[in-house]
Amino acid sequence: MPQLNPAPWFAILIFSWLVFLTVIPPKVLGHSFTNEPTPLNVKKAKPEPWNWPWH
C-alpha cells in the first residue's frame, strides 16, 4: 500500500507550505486599502454642565 509511505508526501507537504508562506503573504500585504480610517474630530468635546432646576 503506497499511501502509507510518508516519505514523498511529507516532502510535498513541506514544499507546498513553504511556497504558500513565501508567495501569498507579500501578495496579500501588497494591497492598499482604499478606506483608511481617519479620526473625524481629534479634540475631545468638553461636556456641558446640566442646568436643571432641582426644586
Protein backbone atom coordinates (compact mmCIF):
# COMPACT_ATOMS: atom_id res chain seq x y z
CA MET A 1 0.00 0.00 0.00
CA PRO A 2 1.98 3.04 -1.22
CA GLN A 3 -0.22 5.61 0.53
CA LEU A 4 1.27 4.55 3.86
CA ASN A 5 4.77 5.58 2.80
CA PRO A 6 5.10 9.14 4.18
CA ALA A 7 8.41 9.99 2.54
CA PRO A 8 7.21 11.67 -0.70
CA TRP A 9 4.01 13.12 0.79
CA PHE A 10 5.76 14.76 3.72
CA ALA A 11 8.22 16.47 1.35
CA ILE A 12 5.34 17.64 -0.86
CA LEU A 13 3.50 18.97 2.20
CA ILE A 14 6.53 20.91 3.45
CA PHE A 15 7.35 22.26 -0.01
CA SER A 16 3.77 23.39 -0.63
CA TRP A 17 3.62 25.18 2.74
CA LEU A 18 6.93 26.89 2.01
CA VAL A 19 5.53 28.08 -1.31
CA PHE A 20 2.33 29.30 0.33
CA LEU A 21 4.20 31.11 3.10
CA THR A 22 6.67 32.82 0.76
CA VAL A 23 4.43 33.72 -2.18
CA ILE A 24 1.00 34.52 -0.77
CA PRO A 25 1.72 36.92 2.18
CA PRO A 26 3.58 39.54 0.09
CA LYS A 27 0.76 39.48 -2.46
CA VAL A 28 -1.89 39.93 0.23
CA LEU A 29 0.05 42.59 2.13
CA GLY A 30 0.81 44.45 -1.10
CA HIS A 31 -2.80 45.53 -1.50
CA SER A 32 -3.63 49.05 -0.44
CA PHE A 33 -6.86 49.68 1.35
CA THR A 34 -8.94 52.48 -0.13
CA ASN A 35 -10.85 53.15 3.05
CA GLU A 36 -8.24 54.14 5.63
CA PRO A 37 -9.89 55.07 8.92
CA THR A 38 -9.23 58.65 9.93
CA PRO A 39 -10.39 60.29 13.14
CA LEU A 40 -13.13 62.81 12.48
CA ASN A 41 -12.51 65.00 15.49
CA VAL A 42 -9.22 64.94 17.35
CA LYS A 43 -10.27 67.43 20.02
CA LYS A 44 -12.12 65.97 22.97
CA ALA A 45 -15.54 67.50 23.38
CA LYS A 46 -15.98 69.38 26.63
CA PRO A 47 -19.17 68.27 28.36
CA GLU A 48 -21.70 70.95 29.11
CA PRO A 49 -22.98 71.20 32.69
CA TRP A 50 -26.56 70.30 33.32
CA ASN A 51 -28.53 73.32 34.43
CA TRP A 52 -31.63 71.58 35.66
CA PRO A 53 -33.79 73.22 38.28
CA TRP A 54 -33.86 70.93 41.32
CA HIS A 55 -36.86 72.04 43.37
